[in-house]
Amino acid sequence: MDSVSIFFILDGPKLQAQAVLLAASLRYFNKDRYKLLAYVPKSGVTDLARITRRAMRACNVEIVPFSVPKIDGRPAFESHYPHGNKILAAALPRACKISVFLDSDIFCCAPLDFESLVKPGEMCAVVSDYLTGAFSIERWDAGYRFFGHETPEQRVKMLRGRRLLSPP
């Protein structure tokens, strides 16, 4: 079992280019210390550019296709909802002690040390500053219900511009 697996989303032309830079920078600064996994919806596997596949292979990145579940015959997350693939990929099992999700638009510029940062049973997260209509309480409730949970009472307060938002 690997100690740490780093995973990211590889979907659509823009994310493919960003994911190549992320994978190359992770390998440059961390060599083969971490297992790298690129998750792509099964429907998008055939759309991966040949150069993207070659770059992922060169960086020793495993491309992992995943299914998007359907609700009432429709995909659980519509294609215009970019966070859906992140949620689905995060829910998938990995053979490692620590799973680290990185957005594809990140560039690694120094060696990483997740083993000393995360202790067994802990979770670390950074609150997103991506503000959209997705932050209505009704949408949060629907998302939590989808995974069989209740929306938590505890909130992270975000102040951006003149709007005070409160995503769970």
N, C-alpha and C. Protein backbone atom coordinates (compact mmCIF):
# COMPACT_ATOMS: atom_id res chain seq x y z
N MET A 1 0.85 -1.19 0.00
CA MET A 1 0.00 0.00 0.00
C MET A 1 0.89 1.24 0.00
N ASP A 2 0.55 2.17 -0.91
CA ASP A 2 1.28 3.43 -0.97
C ASP A 2 0.98 4.25 0.27
N SER A 3 1.94 5.06 0.67
CA SER A 3 1.72 5.95 1.80
C SER A 3 0.80 7.09 1.39
N VAL A 4 1.11 7.73 0.24
CA VAL A 4 0.35 8.90 -0.22
C VAL A 4 0.02 8.75 -1.70
N SER A 5 -1.23 9.04 -2.05
CA SER A 5 -1.64 9.16 -3.45
C SER A 5 -2.15 10.57 -3.66
N ILE A 6 -1.67 11.21 -4.71
CA ILE A 6 -2.16 12.53 -5.09
C ILE A 6 -3.06 12.33 -6.30
N PHE A 7 -4.27 12.90 -6.24
CA PHE A 7 -5.17 12.73 -7.37
C PHE A 7 -5.73 14.07 -7.83
N PHE A 8 -6.08 14.09 -9.11
CA PHE A 8 -6.63 15.30 -9.72
C PHE A 8 -7.55 14.89 -10.86
N ILE A 9 -8.27 15.87 -11.41
CA ILE A 9 -9.23 15.62 -12.47
C ILE A 9 -8.60 15.95 -13.82
N LEU A 10 -8.87 15.07 -14.78
CA LEU A 10 -8.35 15.22 -16.14
C LEU A 10 -9.56 15.16 -17.07
N ASP A 11 -10.17 16.31 -17.35
CA ASP A 11 -11.42 16.32 -18.12
C ASP A 11 -11.50 17.60 -18.93
N GLY A 12 -11.61 17.49 -20.21
CA GLY A 12 -11.73 18.65 -21.09
C GLY A 12 -10.38 19.20 -21.49
N PRO A 13 -10.30 19.87 -22.64
CA PRO A 13 -9.02 20.35 -23.16
C PRO A 13 -8.26 21.29 -22.21
N LYS A 14 -8.97 22.20 -21.55
CA LYS A 14 -8.29 23.15 -20.65
C LYS A 14 -7.67 22.41 -19.46
N LEU A 15 -8.44 21.49 -18.85
CA LEU A 15 -7.90 20.75 -17.71
C LEU A 15 -6.79 19.79 -18.12
N GLN A 16 -6.81 19.31 -19.36
CA GLN A 16 -5.74 18.43 -19.81
C GLN A 16 -4.40 19.17 -19.81
N ALA A 17 -4.39 20.37 -20.36
CA ALA A 17 -3.15 21.15 -20.39
C ALA A 17 -2.68 21.48 -18.98
N GLN A 18 -3.61 21.87 -18.12
CA GLN A 18 -3.23 22.19 -16.73
C GLN A 18 -2.74 20.95 -16.00
N ALA A 19 -3.40 19.81 -16.22
CA ALA A 19 -3.02 18.57 -15.54
C ALA A 19 -1.63 18.11 -15.95
N VAL A 20 -1.27 18.34 -17.20
CA VAL A 20 0.09 17.99 -17.66
C VAL A 20 1.12 18.80 -16.88
N LEU A 21 0.87 20.10 -16.72
CA LEU A 21 1.80 20.94 -15.95
C LEU A 21 1.85 20.52 -14.48
N LEU A 22 0.70 20.21 -13.92
CA LEU A 22 0.66 19.75 -12.53
C LEU A 22 1.47 18.46 -12.38
N ALA A 23 1.20 17.47 -13.22
CA ALA A 23 1.90 16.18 -13.12
C ALA A 23 3.41 16.34 -13.30
N ALA A 24 3.80 17.13 -14.29
CA ALA A 24 5.24 17.33 -14.54
C ALA A 24 5.91 18.03 -13.36
N SER A 25 5.23 19.02 -12.77
CA SER A 25 5.84 19.73 -11.64
C SER A 25 5.89 18.84 -10.39
N LEU A 26 4.86 18.03 -10.18
CA LEU A 26 4.89 17.10 -9.04
C LEU A 26 6.03 16.11 -9.17
N ARG A 27 6.22 15.56 -10.37
CA ARG A 27 7.31 14.59 -10.58
C ARG A 27 8.67 15.27 -10.48
N TYR A 28 8.80 16.49 -10.99
CA TYR A 28 10.08 17.18 -10.95
C TYR A 28 10.55 17.40 -9.51
N PHE A 29 9.64 17.87 -8.66
CA PHE A 29 10.04 18.19 -7.29
C PHE A 29 9.94 17.03 -6.32
N ASN A 30 9.19 16.00 -6.65
CA ASN A 30 8.98 14.89 -5.71
C ASN A 30 9.40 13.53 -6.24
N LYS A 31 9.95 13.51 -7.44
CA LYS A 31 10.36 12.26 -8.10
C LYS A 31 9.21 11.24 -8.03
N ASP A 32 9.49 10.03 -7.62
CA ASP A 32 8.45 8.99 -7.53
C ASP A 32 7.96 8.78 -6.10
N ARG A 33 8.10 9.78 -5.26
CA ARG A 33 7.69 9.66 -3.86
C ARG A 33 6.19 9.37 -3.71
N TYR A 34 5.38 9.96 -4.59
CA TYR A 34 3.93 9.83 -4.48
C TYR A 34 3.34 9.15 -5.71
N LYS A 35 2.29 8.38 -5.48
CA LYS A 35 1.52 7.82 -6.58
C LYS A 35 0.62 8.93 -7.10
N LEU A 36 0.59 9.12 -8.41
CA LEU A 36 -0.23 10.16 -9.03
C LEU A 36 -1.37 9.50 -9.81
N LEU A 37 -2.59 9.99 -9.58
CA LEU A 37 -3.78 9.45 -10.22
C LEU A 37 -4.55 10.58 -10.89
N ALA A 38 -4.86 10.40 -12.16
CA ALA A 38 -5.67 11.37 -12.91
C ALA A 38 -7.02 10.73 -13.18
N TYR A 39 -8.08 11.27 -12.59
CA TYR A 39 -9.42 10.74 -12.75
C TYR A 39 -10.11 11.43 -13.93
N VAL A 40 -10.73 10.61 -14.78
CA VAL A 40 -11.45 11.13 -15.95
C VAL A 40 -12.78 10.39 -16.06
N PRO A 41 -13.89 11.13 -16.29
CA PRO A 41 -15.16 10.43 -16.49
C PRO A 41 -15.04 9.47 -17.67
N LYS A 42 -15.65 8.29 -17.55
CA LYS A 42 -15.57 7.31 -18.64
C LYS A 42 -16.00 7.91 -19.97
N SER A 43 -16.97 8.79 -19.94
CA SER A 43 -17.45 9.41 -21.18
C SER A 43 -16.40 10.30 -21.83
N GLY A 44 -15.38 10.70 -21.08
CA GLY A 44 -14.35 11.59 -21.62
C GLY A 44 -13.03 10.93 -21.94
N VAL A 45 -12.91 9.63 -21.70
CA VAL A 45 -11.64 8.94 -21.92
C VAL A 45 -11.21 9.03 -23.38
N THR A 46 -12.15 8.85 -24.29
CA THR A 46 -11.79 8.88 -25.72
C THR A 46 -11.43 10.29 -26.18
N ASP A 47 -11.79 11.31 -25.40
CA ASP A 47 -11.47 12.69 -25.77
C ASP A 47 -10.08 13.13 -25.31
N LEU A 48 -9.38 12.28 -24.58
CA LEU A 48 -8.03 12.66 -24.12
C LEU A 48 -7.10 12.76 -25.32
N ALA A 49 -6.40 13.87 -25.43
CA ALA A 49 -5.46 14.07 -26.53
C ALA A 49 -4.30 13.08 -26.41
N ARG A 50 -3.76 12.68 -27.54
CA ARG A 50 -2.63 11.74 -27.55
C ARG A 50 -1.43 12.31 -26.77
N ILE A 51 -1.19 13.60 -26.92
CA ILE A 51 -0.07 14.23 -26.20
C ILE A 51 -0.31 14.19 -24.69
N THR A 52 -1.57 14.32 -24.27
CA THR A 52 -1.90 14.25 -22.85
C THR A 52 -1.61 12.85 -22.33
N ARG A 53 -2.02 11.83 -23.07
CA ARG A 53 -1.76 10.44 -22.65
C ARG A 53 -0.25 10.18 -22.56
N ARG A 54 0.49 10.68 -23.53
CA ARG A 54 1.95 10.48 -23.53
C ARG A 54 2.60 11.19 -22.34
N ALA A 55 2.13 12.40 -22.05
CA ALA A 55 2.69 13.16 -20.92
C ALA A 55 2.38 12.45 -19.60
N MET A 56 1.15 11.95 -19.44
CA MET A 56 0.78 11.24 -18.22
C MET A 56 1.63 9.98 -18.06
N ARG A 57 1.84 9.27 -19.15
CA ARG A 57 2.70 8.08 -19.11
C ARG A 57 4.13 8.45 -18.71
N ALA A 58 4.66 9.52 -19.32
CA ALA A 58 6.03 9.97 -19.02
C ALA A 58 6.19 10.39 -17.57
N CYS A 59 5.11 10.90 -16.98
CA CYS A 59 5.14 11.33 -15.57
C CYS A 59 4.71 10.22 -14.62
N ASN A 60 4.49 9.03 -15.16
CA ASN A 60 4.06 7.88 -14.35
C ASN A 60 2.77 8.18 -13.59
N VAL A 61 1.79 8.72 -14.33
CA VAL A 61 0.47 9.03 -13.78
C VAL A 61 -0.50 7.96 -14.26
N GLU A 62 -1.23 7.36 -13.33
CA GLU A 62 -2.25 6.38 -13.69
C GLU A 62 -3.53 7.13 -14.04
N ILE A 63 -4.05 6.89 -15.24
CA ILE A 63 -5.32 7.47 -15.66
C ILE A 63 -6.43 6.53 -15.19
N VAL A 64 -7.35 7.05 -14.38
CA VAL A 64 -8.41 6.24 -13.78
C VAL A 64 -9.78 6.71 -14.28
N PRO A 65 -10.41 5.95 -15.18
CA PRO A 65 -11.77 6.30 -15.60
C PRO A 65 -12.75 6.01 -14.47
N PHE A 66 -13.78 6.85 -14.35
CA PHE A 66 -14.81 6.60 -13.33
C PHE A 66 -16.19 6.87 -13.93
N SER A 67 -17.18 6.22 -13.35
CA SER A 67 -18.56 6.36 -13.80
C SER A 67 -19.23 7.51 -13.07
N VAL A 68 -20.07 8.23 -13.80
CA VAL A 68 -20.89 9.27 -13.20
C VAL A 68 -22.27 8.65 -12.98
N PRO A 69 -22.69 8.50 -11.72
CA PRO A 69 -23.99 7.86 -11.45
C PRO A 69 -25.14 8.69 -12.01
N LYS A 70 -26.26 8.01 -12.24
CA LYS A 70 -27.44 8.68 -12.77
C LYS A 70 -28.54 8.72 -11.72
N ILE A 71 -29.28 9.80 -11.74
CA ILE A 71 -30.45 9.97 -10.89
C ILE A 71 -31.62 10.28 -11.82
N ASP A 72 -32.64 9.47 -11.76
CA ASP A 72 -33.80 9.61 -12.65
C ASP A 72 -33.36 9.65 -14.12
N GLY A 73 -32.38 8.83 -14.47
CA GLY A 73 -31.93 8.72 -15.85
C GLY A 73 -30.99 9.81 -16.32
N ARG A 74 -30.67 10.77 -15.45
CA ARG A 74 -29.76 11.87 -15.81
C ARG A 74 -28.50 11.79 -14.99
N PRO A 75 -27.37 12.25 -15.54
CA PRO A 75 -26.13 12.25 -14.75
C PRO A 75 -26.32 13.01 -13.43
N ALA A 76 -25.74 12.47 -12.35
CA ALA A 76 -25.88 13.10 -11.03
C ALA A 76 -25.35 14.53 -11.04
N PHE A 77 -24.31 14.76 -11.82
CA PHE A 77 -23.75 16.10 -11.93
C PHE A 77 -23.73 16.47 -13.40
N GLU A 78 -24.30 17.61 -13.73
CA GLU A 78 -24.32 18.07 -15.11
C GLU A 78 -22.92 18.52 -15.51
N SER A 79 -22.65 18.53 -16.81
CA SER A 79 -21.32 18.87 -17.30
C SER A 79 -20.92 20.30 -16.93
N HIS A 80 -21.91 21.19 -16.73
CA HIS A 80 -21.57 22.58 -16.38
C HIS A 80 -21.24 22.74 -14.90
N TYR A 81 -21.33 21.67 -14.12
CA TYR A 81 -21.02 21.73 -12.69
C TYR A 81 -19.63 21.15 -12.47
N PRO A 82 -18.60 22.00 -12.44
CA PRO A 82 -17.22 21.50 -12.42
C PRO A 82 -16.82 20.77 -11.14
N HIS A 83 -17.56 20.99 -10.05
CA HIS A 83 -17.16 20.36 -8.78
C HIS A 83 -17.63 18.91 -8.70
N GLY A 84 -18.58 18.52 -9.53
CA GLY A 84 -19.13 17.17 -9.48
C GLY A 84 -18.08 16.09 -9.65
N ASN A 85 -17.19 16.25 -10.62
CA ASN A 85 -16.15 15.24 -10.84
C ASN A 85 -15.19 15.16 -9.67
N LYS A 86 -14.93 16.29 -9.04
CA LYS A 86 -14.05 16.30 -7.87
C LYS A 86 -14.68 15.50 -6.74
N ILE A 87 -15.97 15.71 -6.53
CA ILE A 87 -16.68 15.01 -5.45
C ILE A 87 -16.68 13.51 -5.72
N LEU A 88 -17.01 13.13 -6.96
CA LEU A 88 -17.06 11.71 -7.31
C LEU A 88 -15.68 11.05 -7.19
N ALA A 89 -14.64 11.72 -7.66
CA ALA A 89 -13.28 11.16 -7.56
C ALA A 89 -12.84 11.03 -6.10
N ALA A 90 -13.18 12.03 -5.29
CA ALA A 90 -12.79 11.98 -3.87
C ALA A 90 -13.47 10.82 -3.16
N ALA A 91 -14.66 10.43 -3.61
CA ALA A 91 -15.40 9.35 -2.96
C ALA A 91 -14.89 7.96 -3.34
N LEU A 92 -14.06 7.86 -4.36
CA LEU A 92 -13.56 6.56 -4.80
C LEU A 92 -12.46 6.05 -3.88
N PRO A 93 -12.38 4.72 -3.70
CA PRO A 93 -11.33 4.17 -2.83
C PRO A 93 -9.96 4.22 -3.51
N ARG A 94 -8.94 4.38 -2.71
CA ARG A 94 -7.55 4.34 -3.18
C ARG A 94 -6.75 3.48 -2.22
N ALA A 95 -5.77 2.76 -2.73
CA ALA A 95 -4.93 1.90 -1.91
C ALA A 95 -3.76 2.72 -1.37
N CYS A 96 -4.04 3.54 -0.35
CA CYS A 96 -3.01 4.39 0.24
C CYS A 96 -3.46 4.78 1.65
N LYS A 97 -2.52 5.29 2.41
CA LYS A 97 -2.85 5.76 3.76
C LYS A 97 -3.38 7.19 3.74
N ILE A 98 -2.87 8.01 2.81
CA ILE A 98 -3.25 9.41 2.72
C ILE A 98 -3.62 9.72 1.28
N SER A 99 -4.81 10.30 1.07
CA SER A 99 -5.25 10.76 -0.25
C SER A 99 -5.20 12.27 -0.27
N VAL A 100 -4.60 12.83 -1.31
CA VAL A 100 -4.50 14.28 -1.44
C VAL A 100 -5.10 14.68 -2.78
N PHE A 101 -6.14 15.52 -2.74
CA PHE A 101 -6.71 16.05 -3.98
C PHE A 101 -6.08 17.41 -4.25
N LEU A 102 -5.65 17.61 -5.49
CA LEU A 102 -5.16 18.92 -5.92
C LEU A 102 -5.95 19.35 -7.15
N ASP A 103 -6.34 20.60 -7.19
CA ASP A 103 -6.97 21.13 -8.39
C ASP A 103 -5.96 21.09 -9.53
N SER A 104 -6.45 20.89 -10.73
CA SER A 104 -5.56 20.75 -11.89
C SER A 104 -4.82 22.03 -12.23
N ASP A 105 -5.29 23.17 -11.74
CA ASP A 105 -4.63 24.43 -12.07
C ASP A 105 -3.53 24.81 -11.07
N ILE A 106 -3.06 23.83 -10.33
CA ILE A 106 -1.97 24.06 -9.37
C ILE A 106 -0.65 23.68 -10.00
N PHE A 107 0.40 24.37 -9.64
CA PHE A 107 1.75 24.05 -10.10
C PHE A 107 2.61 23.86 -8.86
N CYS A 108 3.26 22.74 -8.76
CA CYS A 108 4.13 22.45 -7.61
C CYS A 108 5.48 23.13 -7.83
N CYS A 109 5.95 23.90 -6.84
CA CYS A 109 7.21 24.61 -7.02
C CYS A 109 8.23 24.30 -5.92
N ALA A 110 7.99 23.21 -5.17
CA ALA A 110 8.93 22.76 -4.14
C ALA A 110 8.53 21.35 -3.73
N PRO A 111 9.44 20.62 -3.11
CA PRO A 111 9.08 19.28 -2.63
C PRO A 111 7.96 19.35 -1.60
N LEU A 112 7.12 18.32 -1.59
CA LEU A 112 5.99 18.24 -0.67
C LEU A 112 6.25 17.18 0.39
N ASP A 113 5.59 17.33 1.55
CA ASP A 113 5.76 16.36 2.63
C ASP A 113 4.42 16.15 3.33
N PHE A 114 3.54 15.39 2.70
CA PHE A 114 2.22 15.17 3.26
C PHE A 114 2.24 14.25 4.47
N GLU A 115 3.21 13.34 4.52
CA GLU A 115 3.25 12.39 5.64
C GLU A 115 3.43 13.10 6.98
N SER A 116 4.15 14.19 7.02
CA SER A 116 4.34 14.90 8.30
C SER A 116 3.21 15.88 8.58
N LEU A 117 2.40 16.18 7.58
CA LEU A 117 1.32 17.14 7.73
C LEU A 117 0.03 16.48 8.22
N VAL A 118 -0.27 15.30 7.71
CA VAL A 118 -1.55 14.65 8.00
C VAL A 118 -1.31 13.42 8.87
N LYS A 119 -1.99 13.38 9.99
CA LYS A 119 -1.91 12.23 10.90
C LYS A 119 -3.05 11.27 10.61
N PRO A 120 -2.93 10.01 11.00
CA PRO A 120 -4.00 9.03 10.75
C PRO A 120 -5.35 9.52 11.29
N GLY A 121 -6.40 9.39 10.47
CA GLY A 121 -7.74 9.78 10.89
C GLY A 121 -8.04 11.26 10.74
N GLU A 122 -7.07 12.05 10.31
CA GLU A 122 -7.29 13.49 10.17
C GLU A 122 -7.68 13.84 8.74
N MET A 123 -8.28 14.99 8.59
CA MET A 123 -8.59 15.54 7.28
C MET A 123 -8.16 16.99 7.26
N CYS A 124 -7.54 17.40 6.17
CA CYS A 124 -7.15 18.80 5.99
C CYS A 124 -7.86 19.32 4.76
N ALA A 125 -8.25 20.58 4.78
CA ALA A 125 -8.92 21.16 3.63
C ALA A 125 -8.69 22.66 3.60
N VAL A 126 -8.81 23.21 2.42
CA VAL A 126 -8.74 24.65 2.23
C VAL A 126 -10.09 25.06 1.67
N VAL A 127 -10.69 26.07 2.23
CA VAL A 127 -11.98 26.55 1.76
C VAL A 127 -11.78 27.19 0.38
N SER A 128 -12.65 26.85 -0.54
CA SER A 128 -12.58 27.39 -1.89
C SER A 128 -12.97 28.86 -1.88
N ASP A 129 -12.33 29.63 -2.74
CA ASP A 129 -12.74 31.02 -2.90
C ASP A 129 -13.50 31.20 -4.22
N TYR A 130 -13.94 30.09 -4.78
CA TYR A 130 -14.67 30.10 -6.05
C TYR A 130 -16.14 30.36 -5.75
N LEU A 131 -16.58 31.57 -6.00
CA LEU A 131 -17.95 31.96 -5.66
C LEU A 131 -18.87 31.87 -6.88
N THR A 132 -19.91 31.06 -6.75
CA THR A 132 -20.92 30.94 -7.80
C THR A 132 -22.28 30.80 -7.13
N GLY A 133 -23.29 30.59 -7.94
CA GLY A 133 -24.63 30.34 -7.42
C GLY A 133 -24.71 29.02 -6.69
N ALA A 134 -23.66 28.21 -6.76
CA ALA A 134 -23.67 26.90 -6.10
C ALA A 134 -23.71 27.04 -4.59
N PHE A 135 -23.55 28.24 -4.07
CA PHE A 135 -23.48 28.40 -2.64
C PHE A 135 -24.83 28.69 -1.98
N SER A 136 -25.93 28.46 -2.69
CA SER A 136 -27.23 28.62 -2.04
C SER A 136 -27.43 27.42 -1.10
N ILE A 137 -28.11 27.63 -0.01
CA ILE A 137 -28.31 26.56 0.98
C ILE A 137 -29.10 25.40 0.38
N GLU A 138 -29.99 25.68 -0.56
CA GLU A 138 -30.76 24.61 -1.20
C GLU A 138 -29.83 23.67 -1.97
N ARG A 139 -28.85 24.22 -2.65
CA ARG A 139 -27.92 23.37 -3.41
C ARG A 139 -27.02 22.59 -2.46
N TRP A 140 -26.60 23.20 -1.36
CA TRP A 140 -25.80 22.46 -0.38
C TRP A 140 -26.62 21.32 0.20
N ASP A 141 -27.89 21.60 0.56
CA ASP A 141 -28.76 20.55 1.11
C ASP A 141 -28.89 19.39 0.13
N ALA A 142 -29.11 19.69 -1.14
CA ALA A 142 -29.26 18.64 -2.16
C ALA A 142 -27.97 17.82 -2.28
N GLY A 143 -26.84 18.48 -2.24
CA GLY A 143 -25.56 17.77 -2.32
C GLY A 143 -25.34 16.84 -1.14
N TYR A 144 -25.61 17.33 0.04
CA TYR A 144 -25.45 16.48 1.23
C TYR A 144 -26.44 15.31 1.20
N ARG A 145 -27.69 15.57 0.80
CA ARG A 145 -28.68 14.48 0.71
C ARG A 145 -28.24 13.41 -0.27
N PHE A 146 -27.62 13.82 -1.39
CA PHE A 146 -27.17 12.87 -2.40
C PHE A 146 -26.25 11.82 -1.78
N PHE A 147 -25.41 12.25 -0.83
CA PHE A 147 -24.48 11.33 -0.18
C PHE A 147 -25.01 10.79 1.15
N GLY A 148 -26.30 11.01 1.42
CA GLY A 148 -26.92 10.44 2.61
C GLY A 148 -26.57 11.16 3.90
N HIS A 149 -26.24 12.45 3.81
CA HIS A 149 -25.87 13.22 5.00
C HIS A 149 -26.80 14.41 5.18
N GLU A 150 -26.82 14.93 6.39
CA GLU A 150 -27.51 16.18 6.66
C GLU A 150 -26.52 17.32 6.54
N THR A 151 -26.99 18.48 6.12
CA THR A 151 -26.12 19.65 6.03
C THR A 151 -25.67 20.02 7.44
N PRO A 152 -24.36 20.17 7.67
CA PRO A 152 -23.88 20.49 9.02
C PRO A 152 -24.30 21.89 9.47
N GLU A 153 -24.43 22.03 10.77
CA GLU A 153 -24.77 23.33 11.35
C GLU A 153 -23.58 24.29 11.28
N GLN A 154 -22.37 23.74 11.45
CA GLN A 154 -21.16 24.56 11.48
C GLN A 154 -20.87 25.12 10.08
N ARG A 155 -20.48 26.38 9.99
CA ARG A 155 -20.24 27.04 8.72
C ARG A 155 -18.88 27.72 8.71
N VAL A 156 -18.37 27.89 7.50
CA VAL A 156 -17.19 28.71 7.26
C VAL A 156 -17.70 30.02 6.70
N LYS A 157 -17.34 31.12 7.33
CA LYS A 157 -17.81 32.43 6.87
C LYS A 157 -16.83 32.99 5.84
N MET A 158 -17.39 33.40 4.70
CA MET A 158 -16.57 33.97 3.64
C MET A 158 -17.07 35.37 3.35
N LEU A 159 -16.18 36.33 3.27
CA LEU A 159 -16.56 37.69 2.95
C LEU A 159 -15.78 38.09 1.71
N ARG A 160 -16.52 38.28 0.65
CA ARG A 160 -15.87 38.66 -0.61
C ARG A 160 -16.78 39.69 -1.26
N GLY A 161 -16.24 40.85 -1.51
CA GLY A 161 -17.09 41.91 -2.03
C GLY A 161 -18.03 42.35 -0.94
N ARG A 162 -19.31 42.48 -1.28
CA ARG A 162 -20.27 42.96 -0.30
C ARG A 162 -21.17 41.86 0.21
N ARG A 163 -20.95 40.63 -0.25
CA ARG A 163 -21.82 39.52 0.13
C ARG A 163 -21.17 38.65 1.20
N LEU A 164 -21.88 38.36 2.23
CA LEU A 164 -21.40 37.42 3.25
C LEU A 164 -22.01 36.07 2.93
N LEU A 165 -21.17 35.12 2.63
CA LEU A 165 -21.63 33.79 2.27
C LEU A 165 -21.30 32.81 3.38
N SER A 166 -22.02 31.73 3.40
CA SER A 166 -21.85 30.78 4.48
C SER A 166 -21.97 29.35 3.98
N PRO A 167 -20.98 28.87 3.20
CA PRO A 167 -21.06 27.49 2.73
C PRO A 167 -20.76 26.51 3.86
N PRO A 168 -21.43 25.36 3.86
CA PRO A 168 -21.14 24.35 4.87
C PRO A 168 -19.77 23.73 4.65
